[in-house]
Amino acid sequence: MLKIKLINVNTDQVIAEDVKPAYSFWKRLKGLMGTKRLPESTGLHLKPCPSIHTFFMKYSIDILYLNTNSEIVGIEESLEPGKIGKRFANVKSVIELPAGTINRTSLSIGQAVALKK
């Protein structure tokens, strides 16, 4: 299966080497529930998706909230299990990443990301 990379358009930095798409209702509903961990350099892209939760999860995650231009309009770091994510205006999709990814890659609001095969 072809891997999809997440790249910071502003810096050309690869954020994640293997981002799985969750574009159907059932894939978005399941998300990361029931998984034991999110391996380093992986992620999940939920679209359409204005917000997330971490119910039935066993680990914390970092979240990027994106608008229609794939610009970061919101960030949450190390959202713990059993929590509801923040709400941000104009969110069209969300990328879930392993906790610590945002800090390690210096992502910030206003930057743009791209998913590339």
PDB file of N, CA and C in Angstrom:
ATOM      1  N   MET A   1       0.832  -1.185   0.000  1.00  0.00           N
ATOM      2  CA  MET A   1       0.000   0.000   0.000  1.00  0.00           C
ATOM      3  C   MET A   1       0.882   1.256   0.000  1.00  0.00           C
ATOM      4  N   LEU A   2       0.477   2.247  -0.749  1.00  0.00           N
ATOM      5  CA  LEU A   2       1.216   3.488  -0.873  1.00  0.00           C
ATOM      6  C   LEU A   2       1.141   4.300   0.417  1.00  0.00           C
ATOM      7  N   LYS A   3       2.275   4.805   0.866  1.00  0.00           N
ATOM      8  CA  LYS A   3       2.298   5.614   2.080  1.00  0.00           C
ATOM      9  C   LYS A   3       2.088   7.076   1.726  1.00  0.00           C
ATOM     10  N   ILE A   4       1.341   7.766   2.577  1.00  0.00           N
ATOM     11  CA  ILE A   4       1.082   9.189   2.406  1.00  0.00           C
ATOM     12  C   ILE A   4       1.894   9.943   3.456  1.00  0.00           C
ATOM     13  N   LYS A   5       2.725  10.892   3.001  1.00  0.00           N
ATOM     14  CA  LYS A   5       3.548  11.691   3.906  1.00  0.00           C
ATOM     15  C   LYS A   5       2.845  12.999   4.236  1.00  0.00           C
ATOM     16  N   LEU A   6       3.054  13.458   5.460  1.00  0.00           N
ATOM     17  CA  LEU A   6       2.578  14.773   5.881  1.00  0.00           C
ATOM     18  C   LEU A   6       3.786  15.699   5.909  1.00  0.00           C
ATOM     19  N   ILE A   7       3.697  16.790   5.136  1.00  0.00           N
ATOM     20  CA  ILE A   7       4.821  17.712   4.982  1.00  0.00           C
ATOM     21  C   ILE A   7       4.398  19.123   5.381  1.00  0.00           C
ATOM     22  N   ASN A   8       5.269  19.798   6.115  1.00  0.00           N
ATOM     23  CA  ASN A   8       5.068  21.204   6.440  1.00  0.00           C
ATOM     24  C   ASN A   8       5.457  21.999   5.194  1.00  0.00           C
ATOM     25  N   VAL A   9       4.497  22.630   4.547  1.00  0.00           N
ATOM     26  CA  VAL A   9       4.732  23.359   3.305  1.00  0.00           C
ATOM     27  C   VAL A   9       5.689  24.534   3.525  1.00  0.00           C
ATOM     28  N   ASN A  10       5.628  25.153   4.699  1.00  0.00           N
ATOM     29  CA  ASN A  10       6.459  26.322   4.978  1.00  0.00           C
ATOM     30  C   ASN A  10       7.938  25.975   5.150  1.00  0.00           C
ATOM     31  N   THR A  11       8.230  24.770   5.658  1.00  0.00           N
ATOM     32  CA  THR A  11       9.620  24.401   5.956  1.00  0.00           C
ATOM     33  C   THR A  11      10.118  23.193   5.158  1.00  0.00           C
ATOM     34  N   ASP A  12       9.230  22.530   4.416  1.00  0.00           N
ATOM     35  CA  ASP A  12       9.526  21.291   3.690  1.00  0.00           C
ATOM     36  C   ASP A  12       9.887  20.124   4.616  1.00  0.00           C
ATOM     37  N   GLN A  13       9.635  20.261   5.896  1.00  0.00           N
ATOM     38  CA  GLN A  13       9.921  19.194   6.863  1.00  0.00           C
ATOM     39  C   GLN A  13       8.857  18.098   6.774  1.00  0.00           C
ATOM     40  N   VAL A  14       9.296  16.846   6.776  1.00  0.00           N
ATOM     41  CA  VAL A  14       8.371  15.724   6.831  1.00  0.00           C
ATOM     42  C   VAL A  14       7.935  15.562   8.278  1.00  0.00           C
ATOM     43  N   ILE A  15       6.634  15.672   8.513  1.00  0.00           N
ATOM     44  CA  ILE A  15       6.075  15.564   9.865  1.00  0.00           C
ATOM     45  C   ILE A  15       5.779  14.108  10.197  1.00  0.00           C
ATOM     46  N   ALA A  16       5.232  13.381   9.228  1.00  0.00           N
ATOM     47  CA  ALA A  16       4.910  11.962   9.408  1.00  0.00           C
ATOM     48  C   ALA A  16       5.122  11.246   8.082  1.00  0.00           C
ATOM     49  N   GLU A  17       5.651  10.046   8.163  1.00  0.00           N
ATOM     50  CA  GLU A  17       5.956   9.246   6.967  1.00  0.00           C
ATOM     51  C   GLU A  17       4.767   8.437   6.465  1.00  0.00           C
ATOM     52  N   ASP A  18       3.803   8.157   7.355  1.00  0.00           N
ATOM     53  CA  ASP A  18       2.698   7.260   7.001  1.00  0.00           C
ATOM     54  C   ASP A  18       1.393   7.734   7.645  1.00  0.00           C
ATOM     55  N   VAL A  19       0.632   8.532   6.898  1.00  0.00           N
ATOM     56  CA  VAL A  19      -0.647   9.052   7.385  1.00  0.00           C
ATOM     57  C   VAL A  19      -1.771   8.282   6.708  1.00  0.00           C
ATOM     58  N   LYS A  20      -2.607   7.669   7.516  1.00  0.00           N
ATOM     59  CA  LYS A  20      -3.740   6.891   7.005  1.00  0.00           C
ATOM     60  C   LYS A  20      -4.943   7.819   6.801  1.00  0.00           C
ATOM     61  N   PRO A  21      -5.667   7.654   5.704  1.00  0.00           N
ATOM     62  CA  PRO A  21      -6.879   8.451   5.487  1.00  0.00           C
ATOM     63  C   PRO A  21      -8.071   7.842   6.223  1.00  0.00           C
ATOM     64  N   ALA A  22      -8.906   8.684   6.770  1.00  0.00           N
ATOM     65  CA  ALA A  22     -10.171   8.259   7.385  1.00  0.00           C
ATOM     66  C   ALA A  22     -11.244   9.183   6.803  1.00  0.00           C
ATOM     67  N   TYR A  23     -11.695   8.823   5.598  1.00  0.00           N
ATOM     68  CA  TYR A  23     -12.605   9.692   4.863  1.00  0.00           C
ATOM     69  C   TYR A  23     -14.033   9.160   4.802  1.00  0.00           C
ATOM     70  N   SER A  24     -14.247   7.940   5.233  1.00  0.00           N
ATOM     71  CA  SER A  24     -15.614   7.406   5.273  1.00  0.00           C
ATOM     72  C   SER A  24     -16.183   7.583   6.684  1.00  0.00           C
ATOM     73  N   PHE A  25     -17.495   7.539   6.791  1.00  0.00           N
ATOM     74  CA  PHE A  25     -18.150   7.689   8.090  1.00  0.00           C
ATOM     75  C   PHE A  25     -17.605   6.684   9.094  1.00  0.00           C
ATOM     76  N   TRP A  26     -17.502   5.413   8.706  1.00  0.00           N
ATOM     77  CA  TRP A  26     -17.083   4.363   9.638  1.00  0.00           C
ATOM     78  C   TRP A  26     -15.627   4.504  10.053  1.00  0.00           C
ATOM     79  N   LYS A  27     -14.757   4.888   9.120  1.00  0.00           N
ATOM     80  CA  LYS A  27     -13.345   5.067   9.477  1.00  0.00           C
ATOM     81  C   LYS A  27     -13.163   6.262  10.408  1.00  0.00           C
ATOM     82  N   ARG A  28     -13.936   7.329  10.182  1.00  0.00           N
ATOM     83  CA  ARG A  28     -13.870   8.485  11.079  1.00  0.00           C
ATOM     84  C   ARG A  28     -14.434   8.127  12.451  1.00  0.00           C
ATOM     85  N   LEU A  29     -15.510   7.364  12.470  1.00  0.00           N
ATOM     86  CA  LEU A  29     -16.129   6.970  13.736  1.00  0.00           C
ATOM     87  C   LEU A  29     -15.167   6.138  14.572  1.00  0.00           C
ATOM     88  N   LYS A  30     -14.510   5.178  13.949  1.00  0.00           N
ATOM     89  CA  LYS A  30     -13.567   4.312  14.666  1.00  0.00           C
ATOM     90  C   LYS A  30     -12.305   5.073  15.049  1.00  0.00           C
ATOM     91  N   GLY A  31     -11.783   5.878  14.119  1.00  0.00           N
ATOM     92  CA  GLY A  31     -10.571   6.646  14.408  1.00  0.00           C
ATOM     93  C   GLY A  31      -9.484   5.774  15.002  1.00  0.00           C
ATOM     94  N   LEU A  32      -8.958   6.189  16.131  1.00  0.00           N
ATOM     95  CA  LEU A  32      -7.895   5.452  16.818  1.00  0.00           C
ATOM     96  C   LEU A  32      -8.418   4.646  18.009  1.00  0.00           C
ATOM     97  N   MET A  33      -9.742   4.607  18.164  1.00  0.00           N
ATOM     98  CA  MET A  33     -10.310   3.849  19.285  1.00  0.00           C
ATOM     99  C   MET A  33      -9.871   2.397  19.218  1.00  0.00           C
ATOM    100  N   GLY A  34      -9.506   1.867  20.365  1.00  0.00           N
ATOM    101  CA  GLY A  34      -9.134   0.467  20.445  1.00  0.00           C
ATOM    102  C   GLY A  34      -7.697   0.165  20.069  1.00  0.00           C
ATOM    103  N   THR A  35      -6.945   1.169  19.605  1.00  0.00           N
ATOM    104  CA  THR A  35      -5.545   0.932  19.267  1.00  0.00           C
ATOM    105  C   THR A  35      -4.690   1.078  20.533  1.00  0.00           C
ATOM    106  N   LYS A  36      -3.557   0.404  20.549  1.00  0.00           N
ATOM    107  CA  LYS A  36      -2.685   0.428  21.724  1.00  0.00           C
ATOM    108  C   LYS A  36      -1.744   1.622  21.729  1.00  0.00           C
ATOM    109  N   ARG A  37      -1.404   2.087  20.535  1.00  0.00           N
ATOM    110  CA  ARG A  37      -0.518   3.252  20.414  1.00  0.00           C
ATOM    111  C   ARG A  37      -0.526   3.734  18.974  1.00  0.00           C
ATOM    112  N   LEU A  38      -0.041   4.935  18.781  1.00  0.00           N
ATOM    113  CA  LEU A  38       0.143   5.499  17.451  1.00  0.00           C
ATOM    114  C   LEU A  38       1.655   5.555  17.235  1.00  0.00           C
ATOM    115  N   PRO A  39       2.183   4.692  16.368  1.00  0.00           N
ATOM    116  CA  PRO A  39       3.634   4.620  16.191  1.00  0.00           C
ATOM    117  C   PRO A  39       4.239   5.957  15.740  1.00  0.00           C
ATOM    118  N   GLU A  40       5.494   6.168  16.087  1.00  0.00           N
ATOM    119  CA  GLU A  40       6.226   7.367  15.689  1.00  0.00           C
ATOM    120  C   GLU A  40       6.166   7.538  14.171  1.00  0.00           C
ATOM    121  N   SER A  41       6.035   8.773  13.726  1.00  0.00           N
ATOM    122  CA  SER A  41       6.018   9.158  12.310  1.00  0.00           C
ATOM    123  C   SER A  41       4.810   8.621  11.542  1.00  0.00           C
ATOM    124  N   THR A  42       3.712   8.366  12.272  1.00  0.00           N
ATOM    125  CA  THR A  42       2.453   7.981  11.629  1.00  0.00           C
ATOM    126  C   THR A  42       1.372   8.986  12.027  1.00  0.00           C
ATOM    127  N   GLY A  43       0.216   8.854  11.412  1.00  0.00           N
ATOM    128  CA  GLY A  43      -0.889   9.734  11.761  1.00  0.00           C
ATOM    129  C   GLY A  43      -2.177   9.260  11.130  1.00  0.00           C
ATOM    130  N   LEU A  44      -3.243   9.972  11.444  1.00  0.00           N
ATOM    131  CA  LEU A  44      -4.563   9.682  10.900  1.00  0.00           C
ATOM    132  C   LEU A  44      -5.184  11.000  10.462  1.00  0.00           C
ATOM    133  N   HIS A  45      -5.624  11.065   9.184  1.00  0.00           N
ATOM    134  CA  HIS A  45      -6.269  12.266   8.650  1.00  0.00           C
ATOM    135  C   HIS A  45      -7.765  12.019   8.567  1.00  0.00           C
ATOM    136  N   LEU A  46      -8.526  12.768   9.357  1.00  0.00           N
ATOM    137  CA  LEU A  46      -9.990  12.630   9.382  1.00  0.00           C
ATOM    138  C   LEU A  46     -10.597  13.787   8.599  1.00  0.00           C
ATOM    139  N   LYS A  47     -11.394  13.436   7.572  1.00  0.00           N
ATOM    140  CA  LYS A  47     -11.990  14.461   6.704  1.00  0.00           C
ATOM    141  C   LYS A  47     -13.301  13.954   6.139  1.00  0.00           C
ATOM    142  N   PRO A  48     -14.381  14.724   6.198  1.00  0.00           N
ATOM    143  CA  PRO A  48     -14.525  15.977   6.933  1.00  0.00           C
ATOM    144  C   PRO A  48     -14.573  15.711   8.434  1.00  0.00           C
ATOM    145  N   CYS A  49     -14.097  16.680   9.199  1.00  0.00           N
ATOM    146  CA  CYS A  49     -14.040  16.494  10.647  1.00  0.00           C
ATOM    147  C   CYS A  49     -13.760  17.835  11.320  1.00  0.00           C
ATOM    148  N   PRO A  50     -14.726  18.412  12.015  1.00  0.00           N
ATOM    149  CA  PRO A  50     -14.504  19.695  12.681  1.00  0.00           C
ATOM    150  C   PRO A  50     -13.900  19.581  14.083  1.00  0.00           C
ATOM    151  N   SER A  51     -14.024  18.399  14.720  1.00  0.00           N
ATOM    152  CA  SER A  51     -13.504  18.233  16.078  1.00  0.00           C
ATOM    153  C   SER A  51     -13.323  16.750  16.383  1.00  0.00           C
ATOM    154  N   ILE A  52     -12.633  16.455  17.491  1.00  0.00           N
ATOM    155  CA  ILE A  52     -12.351  15.057  17.832  1.00  0.00           C
ATOM    156  C   ILE A  52     -12.574  14.818  19.327  1.00  0.00           C
ATOM    157  N   HIS A  53     -12.500  13.546  19.696  1.00  0.00           N
ATOM    158  CA  HIS A  53     -12.490  13.154  21.103  1.00  0.00           C
ATOM    159  C   HIS A  53     -11.504  12.002  21.251  1.00  0.00           C
ATOM    160  N   THR A  54     -11.139  11.715  22.492  1.00  0.00           N
ATOM    161  CA  THR A  54     -10.215  10.609  22.749  1.00  0.00           C
ATOM    162  C   THR A  54     -10.852   9.554  23.659  1.00  0.00           C
ATOM    163  N   PHE A  55     -12.169   9.427  23.571  1.00  0.00           N
ATOM    164  CA  PHE A  55     -12.847   8.384  24.342  1.00  0.00           C
ATOM    165  C   PHE A  55     -12.391   7.014  23.846  1.00  0.00           C
ATOM    166  N   PHE A  56     -12.291   6.069  24.746  1.00  0.00           N
ATOM    167  CA  PHE A  56     -11.911   4.676  24.447  1.00  0.00           C
ATOM    168  C   PHE A  56     -10.505   4.561  23.866  1.00  0.00           C
ATOM    169  N   MET A  57      -9.680   5.555  24.153  1.00  0.00           N
ATOM    170  CA  MET A  57      -8.274   5.481  23.742  1.00  0.00           C
ATOM    171  C   MET A  57      -7.424   5.256  24.982  1.00  0.00           C
ATOM    172  N   LYS A  58      -6.200   4.770  24.763  1.00  0.00           N
ATOM    173  CA  LYS A  58      -5.317   4.433  25.879  1.00  0.00           C
ATOM    174  C   LYS A  58      -4.081   5.332  25.950  1.00  0.00           C
ATOM    175  N   TYR A  59      -3.994   6.321  25.084  1.00  0.00           N
ATOM    176  CA  TYR A  59      -2.786   7.149  25.021  1.00  0.00           C
ATOM    177  C   TYR A  59      -3.133   8.563  24.553  1.00  0.00           C
ATOM    178  N   SER A  60      -2.237   9.495  24.826  1.00  0.00           N
ATOM    179  CA  SER A  60      -2.406  10.893  24.416  1.00  0.00           C
ATOM    180  C   SER A  60      -1.977  11.075  22.960  1.00  0.00           C
ATOM    181  N   ILE A  61      -2.534  12.097  22.311  1.00  0.00           N
ATOM    182  CA  ILE A  61      -2.190  12.407  20.924  1.00  0.00           C
ATOM    183  C   ILE A  61      -2.064  13.920  20.736  1.00  0.00           C
ATOM    184  N   ASP A  62      -1.341  14.298  19.691  1.00  0.00           N
ATOM    185  CA  ASP A  62      -1.290  15.685  19.232  1.00  0.00           C
ATOM    186  C   ASP A  62      -2.299  15.830  18.096  1.00  0.00           C
ATOM    187  N   ILE A  63      -2.901  17.012  17.981  1.00  0.00           N
ATOM    188  CA  ILE A  63      -3.921  17.225  16.949  1.00  0.00           C
ATOM    189  C   ILE A  63      -3.651  18.518  16.186  1.00  0.00           C
ATOM    190  N   LEU A  64      -3.746  18.420  14.856  1.00  0.00           N
ATOM    191  CA  LEU A  64      -3.707  19.587  13.975  1.00  0.00           C
ATOM    192  C   LEU A  64      -5.107  19.781  13.413  1.00  0.00           C
ATOM    193  N   TYR A  65      -5.644  20.977  13.550  1.00  0.00           N
ATOM    194  CA  TYR A  65      -6.951  21.325  12.986  1.00  0.00           C
ATOM    195  C   TYR A  65      -6.694  22.165  11.741  1.00  0.00           C
ATOM    196  N   LEU A  66      -7.215  21.722  10.591  1.00  0.00           N
ATOM    197  CA  LEU A  66      -6.916  22.352   9.306  1.00  0.00           C
ATOM    198  C   LEU A  66      -8.144  22.978   8.670  1.00  0.00           C
ATOM    199  N   ASN A  67      -7.947  24.091   7.942  1.00  0.00           N
ATOM    200  CA  ASN A  67      -9.030  24.690   7.164  1.00  0.00           C
ATOM    201  C   ASN A  67      -9.025  24.100   5.743  1.00  0.00           C
ATOM    202  N   THR A  68      -9.825  24.647   4.851  1.00  0.00           N
ATOM    203  CA  THR A  68      -9.931  24.105   3.495  1.00  0.00           C
ATOM    204  C   THR A  68      -8.633  24.229   2.704  1.00  0.00           C
ATOM    205  N   ASN A  69      -7.747  25.151   3.087  1.00  0.00           N
ATOM    206  CA  ASN A  69      -6.459  25.332   2.412  1.00  0.00           C
ATOM    207  C   ASN A  69      -5.341  24.534   3.082  1.00  0.00           C
ATOM    208  N   SER A  70      -5.700  23.630   3.994  1.00  0.00           N
ATOM    209  CA  SER A  70      -4.736  22.831   4.770  1.00  0.00           C
ATOM    210  C   SER A  70      -3.795  23.694   5.599  1.00  0.00           C
ATOM    211  N   GLU A  71      -4.299  24.847   6.016  1.00  0.00           N
ATOM    212  CA  GLU A  71      -3.556  25.697   6.946  1.00  0.00           C
ATOM    213  C   GLU A  71      -3.962  25.310   8.369  1.00  0.00           C
ATOM    214  N   ILE A  72      -2.987  25.342   9.267  1.00  0.00           N
ATOM    215  CA  ILE A  72      -3.252  24.992  10.660  1.00  0.00           C
ATOM    216  C   ILE A  72      -3.977  26.155  11.330  1.00  0.00           C
ATOM    217  N   VAL A  73      -5.213  25.902  11.774  1.00  0.00           N
ATOM    218  CA  VAL A  73      -5.998  26.930  12.465  1.00  0.00           C
ATOM    219  C   VAL A  73      -6.123  26.628  13.957  1.00  0.00           C
ATOM    220  N   GLY A  74      -5.692  25.443  14.361  1.00  0.00           N
ATOM    221  CA  GLY A  74      -5.715  25.073  15.771  1.00  0.00           C
ATOM    222  C   GLY A  74      -4.752  23.935  16.043  1.00  0.00           C
ATOM    223  N   ILE A  75      -4.244  23.902  17.253  1.00  0.00           N
ATOM    224  CA  ILE A  75      -3.293  22.873  17.676  1.00  0.00           C
ATOM    225  C   ILE A  75      -3.634  22.449  19.097  1.00  0.00           C
ATOM    226  N   GLU A  76      -3.542  21.153  19.350  1.00  0.00           N
ATOM    227  CA  GLU A  76      -3.619  20.647  20.724  1.00  0.00           C
ATOM    228  C   GLU A  76      -2.484  19.654  20.904  1.00  0.00           C
ATOM    229  N   GLU A  77      -1.768  19.796  21.998  1.00  0.00           N
ATOM    230  CA  GLU A  77      -0.657  18.899  22.273  1.00  0.00           C
ATOM    231  C   GLU A  77      -1.005  17.951  23.422  1.00  0.00           C
ATOM    232  N   SER A  78      -0.683  16.690  23.235  1.00  0.00           N
ATOM    233  CA  SER A  78      -0.838  15.646  24.258  1.00  0.00           C
ATOM    234  C   SER A  78      -2.240  15.625  24.879  1.00  0.00           C
ATOM    235  N   LEU A  79      -3.260  15.600  24.008  1.00  0.00           N
ATOM    236  CA  LEU A  79      -4.631  15.472  24.499  1.00  0.00           C
ATOM    237  C   LEU A  79      -4.778  14.074  25.095  1.00  0.00           C
ATOM    238  N   GLU A  80      -5.160  14.019  26.353  1.00  0.00           N
ATOM    239  CA  GLU A  80      -5.225  12.764  27.097  1.00  0.00           C
ATOM    240  C   GLU A  80      -6.459  11.945  26.735  1.00  0.00           C
ATOM    241  N   PRO A  81      -6.413  10.641  27.022  1.00  0.00           N
ATOM    242  CA  PRO A  81      -7.587   9.778  26.779  1.00  0.00           C
ATOM    243  C   PRO A  81      -8.807  10.276  27.550  1.00  0.00           C
ATOM    244  N   GLY A  82      -9.983  10.072  26.945  1.00  0.00           N
ATOM    245  CA  GLY A  82     -11.235  10.427  27.597  1.00  0.00           C
ATOM    246  C   GLY A  82     -11.598  11.896  27.550  1.00  0.00           C
ATOM    247  N   LYS A  83     -10.962  12.660  26.676  1.00  0.00           N
ATOM    248  CA  LYS A  83     -11.200  14.108  26.584  1.00  0.00           C
ATOM    249  C   LYS A  83     -11.875  14.474  25.268  1.00  0.00           C
ATOM    250  N   ILE A  84     -12.462  15.661  25.237  1.00  0.00           N
ATOM    251  CA  ILE A  84     -13.035  16.227  24.016  1.00  0.00           C
ATOM    252  C   ILE A  84     -12.090  17.330  23.552  1.00  0.00           C
ATOM    253  N   GLY A  85     -11.757  17.312  22.265  1.00  0.00           N
ATOM    254  CA  GLY A  85     -10.868  18.322  21.715  1.00  0.00           C
ATOM    255  C   GLY A  85     -11.516  19.690  21.667  1.00  0.00           C
ATOM    256  N   LYS A  86     -10.682  20.713  21.570  1.00  0.00           N
ATOM    257  CA  LYS A  86     -11.172  22.089  21.470  1.00  0.00           C
ATOM    258  C   LYS A  86     -11.911  22.293  20.149  1.00  0.00           C
ATOM    259  N   ARG A  87     -12.704  23.346  20.112  1.00  0.00           N
ATOM    260  CA  ARG A  87     -13.393  23.726  18.879  1.00  0.00           C
ATOM    261  C   ARG A  87     -12.710  24.973  18.326  1.00  0.00           C
ATOM    262  N   PHE A  88     -12.400  24.923  17.030  1.00  0.00           N
ATOM    263  CA  PHE A  88     -11.792  26.056  16.345  1.00  0.00           C
ATOM    264  C   PHE A  88     -12.659  26.402  15.145  1.00  0.00           C
ATOM    265  N   ALA A  89     -12.666  27.670  14.759  1.00  0.00           N
ATOM    266  CA  ALA A  89     -13.459  28.118  13.612  1.00  0.00           C
ATOM    267  C   ALA A  89     -12.837  27.628  12.304  1.00  0.00           C
ATOM    268  N   ASN A  90     -13.694  27.340  11.336  1.00  0.00           N
ATOM    269  CA  ASN A  90     -13.298  26.998   9.965  1.00  0.00           C
ATOM    270  C   ASN A  90     -12.501  25.702   9.825  1.00  0.00           C
ATOM    271  N   VAL A  91     -12.674  24.763  10.738  1.00  0.00           N
ATOM    272  CA  VAL A  91     -11.966  23.485  10.656  1.00  0.00           C
ATOM    273  C   VAL A  91     -12.700  22.562   9.690  1.00  0.00           C
ATOM    274  N   LYS A  92     -11.965  22.019   8.719  1.00  0.00           N
ATOM    275  CA  LYS A  92     -12.540  21.091   7.740  1.00  0.00           C
ATOM    276  C   LYS A  92     -11.984  19.680   7.882  1.00  0.00           C
ATOM    277  N   SER A  93     -10.773  19.565   8.463  1.00  0.00           N
ATOM    278  CA  SER A  93     -10.194  18.243   8.684  1.00  0.00           C
ATOM    279  C   SER A  93      -9.243  18.302   9.876  1.00  0.00           C
ATOM    280  N   VAL A  94      -8.907  17.114  10.361  1.00  0.00           N
ATOM    281  CA  VAL A  94      -8.061  16.991  11.551  1.00  0.00           C
ATOM    282  C   VAL A  94      -7.000  15.927  11.276  1.00  0.00           C
ATOM    283  N   ILE A  95      -5.793  16.173  11.750  1.00  0.00           N
ATOM    284  CA  ILE A  95      -4.743  15.156  11.682  1.00  0.00           C
ATOM    285  C   ILE A  95      -4.329  14.816  13.110  1.00  0.00           C
ATOM    286  N   GLU A  96      -4.418  13.529  13.432  1.00  0.00           N
ATOM    287  CA  GLU A  96      -4.013  13.032  14.741  1.00  0.00           C
ATOM    288  C   GLU A  96      -2.613  12.443  14.612  1.00  0.00           C
ATOM    289  N   LEU A  97      -1.736  12.835  15.529  1.00  0.00           N
ATOM    290  CA  LEU A  97      -0.330  12.445  15.494  1.00  0.00           C
ATOM    291  C   LEU A  97       0.108  11.944  16.866  1.00  0.00           C
ATOM    292  N   PRO A  98       1.215  11.203  16.931  1.00  0.00           N
ATOM    293  CA  PRO A  98       1.709  10.776  18.242  1.00  0.00           C
ATOM    294  C   PRO A  98       2.027  11.984  19.132  1.00  0.00           C
ATOM    295  N   ALA A  99       1.756  11.868  20.423  1.00  0.00           N
ATOM    296  CA  ALA A  99       2.075  12.946  21.360  1.00  0.00           C
ATOM    297  C   ALA A  99       3.553  13.293  21.254  1.00  0.00           C
ATOM    298  N   GLY A 100       3.841  14.595  21.234  1.00  0.00           N
ATOM    299  CA  GLY A 100       5.211  15.073  21.119  1.00  0.00           C
ATOM    300  C   GLY A 100       5.616  15.493  19.719  1.00  0.00           C
ATOM    301  N   THR A 101       4.811  15.123  18.725  1.00  0.00           N
ATOM    302  CA  THR A 101       5.148  15.447  17.335  1.00  0.00           C
ATOM    303  C   THR A 101       5.155  16.951  17.088  1.00  0.00           C
ATOM    304  N   ILE A 102       4.166  17.663  17.611  1.00  0.00           N
ATOM    305  CA  ILE A 102       4.072  19.110  17.374  1.00  0.00           C
ATOM    306  C   ILE A 102       5.286  19.814  17.956  1.00  0.00           C
ATOM    307  N   ASN A 103       5.651  19.478  19.168  1.00  0.00           N
ATOM    308  CA  ASN A 103       6.813  20.089  19.807  1.00  0.00           C
ATOM    309  C   ASN A 103       8.104  19.747  19.054  1.00  0.00           C
ATOM    310  N   ARG A 104       8.241  18.496  18.662  1.00  0.00           N
ATOM    311  CA  ARG A 104       9.455  18.029  17.971  1.00  0.00           C
ATOM    312  C   ARG A 104       9.629  18.694  16.608  1.00  0.00           C
ATOM    313  N   THR A 105       8.536  19.007  15.931  1.00  0.00           N
ATOM    314  CA  THR A 105       8.602  19.545  14.575  1.00  0.00           C
ATOM    315  C   THR A 105       8.355  21.049  14.503  1.00  0.00           C
ATOM    316  N   SER A 106       8.100  21.680  15.638  1.00  0.00           N
ATOM    317  CA  SER A 106       7.891  23.138  15.708  1.00  0.00           C
ATOM    318  C   SER A 106       6.752  23.622  14.820  1.00  0.00           C
ATOM    319  N   LEU A 107       5.682  22.838  14.712  1.00  0.00           N
ATOM    320  CA  LEU A 107       4.507  23.269  13.957  1.00  0.00           C
ATOM    321  C   LEU A 107       3.819  24.421  14.683  1.00  0.00           C
ATOM    322  N   SER A 108       3.215  25.320  13.922  1.00  0.00           N
ATOM    323  CA  SER A 108       2.514  26.439  14.546  1.00  0.00           C
ATOM    324  C   SER A 108       1.307  26.853  13.715  1.00  0.00           C
ATOM    325  N   ILE A 109       0.397  27.544  14.375  1.00  0.00           N
ATOM    326  CA  ILE A 109      -0.812  28.042  13.719  1.00  0.00           C
ATOM    327  C   ILE A 109      -0.399  28.986  12.590  1.00  0.00           C
ATOM    328  N   GLY A 110      -1.074  28.847  11.454  1.00  0.00           N
ATOM    329  CA  GLY A 110      -0.785  29.673  10.283  1.00  0.00           C
ATOM    330  C   GLY A 110       0.064  28.956   9.243  1.00  0.00           C
ATOM    331  N   GLN A 111       0.801  27.926   9.661  1.00  0.00           N
ATOM    332  CA  GLN A 111       1.572  27.153   8.694  1.00  0.00           C
ATOM    333  C   GLN A 111       0.625  26.268   7.897  1.00  0.00           C
ATOM    334  N   ALA A 112       1.057  25.834   6.733  1.00  0.00           N
ATOM    335  CA  ALA A 112       0.267  24.950   5.892  1.00  0.00           C
ATOM    336  C   ALA A 112       0.959  23.590   5.821  1.00  0.00           C
ATOM    337  N   VAL A 113       0.152  22.542   5.665  1.00  0.00           N
ATOM    338  CA  VAL A 113       0.686  21.192   5.504  1.00  0.00           C
ATOM    339  C   VAL A 113       0.139  20.603   4.206  1.00  0.00           C
ATOM    340  N   ALA A 114       0.815  19.560   3.738  1.00  0.00           N
ATOM    341  CA  ALA A 114       0.366  18.876   2.529  1.00  0.00           C
ATOM    342  C   ALA A 114       0.513  17.378   2.754  1.00  0.00           C
ATOM    343  N   LEU A 115      -0.411  16.628   2.168  1.00  0.00           N
ATOM    344  CA  LEU A 115      -0.343  15.164   2.171  1.00  0.00           C
ATOM    345  C   LEU A 115       0.116  14.754   0.780  1.00  0.00           C
ATOM    346  N   LYS A 116       1.253  14.047   0.718  1.00  0.00           N
ATOM    347  CA  LYS A 116       1.834  13.682  -0.577  1.00  0.00           C
ATOM    348  C   LYS A 116       2.122  12.197  -0.620  1.00  0.00           C
ATOM    349  N   LYS A 117       1.817  11.595  -1.778  1.00  0.00           N
ATOM    350  CA  LYS A 117       2.075  10.166  -1.990  1.00  0.00           C
ATOM    351  C   LYS A 117       3.496   9.941  -2.434  1.00  0.00           C
TER     352      LYS A 117
END
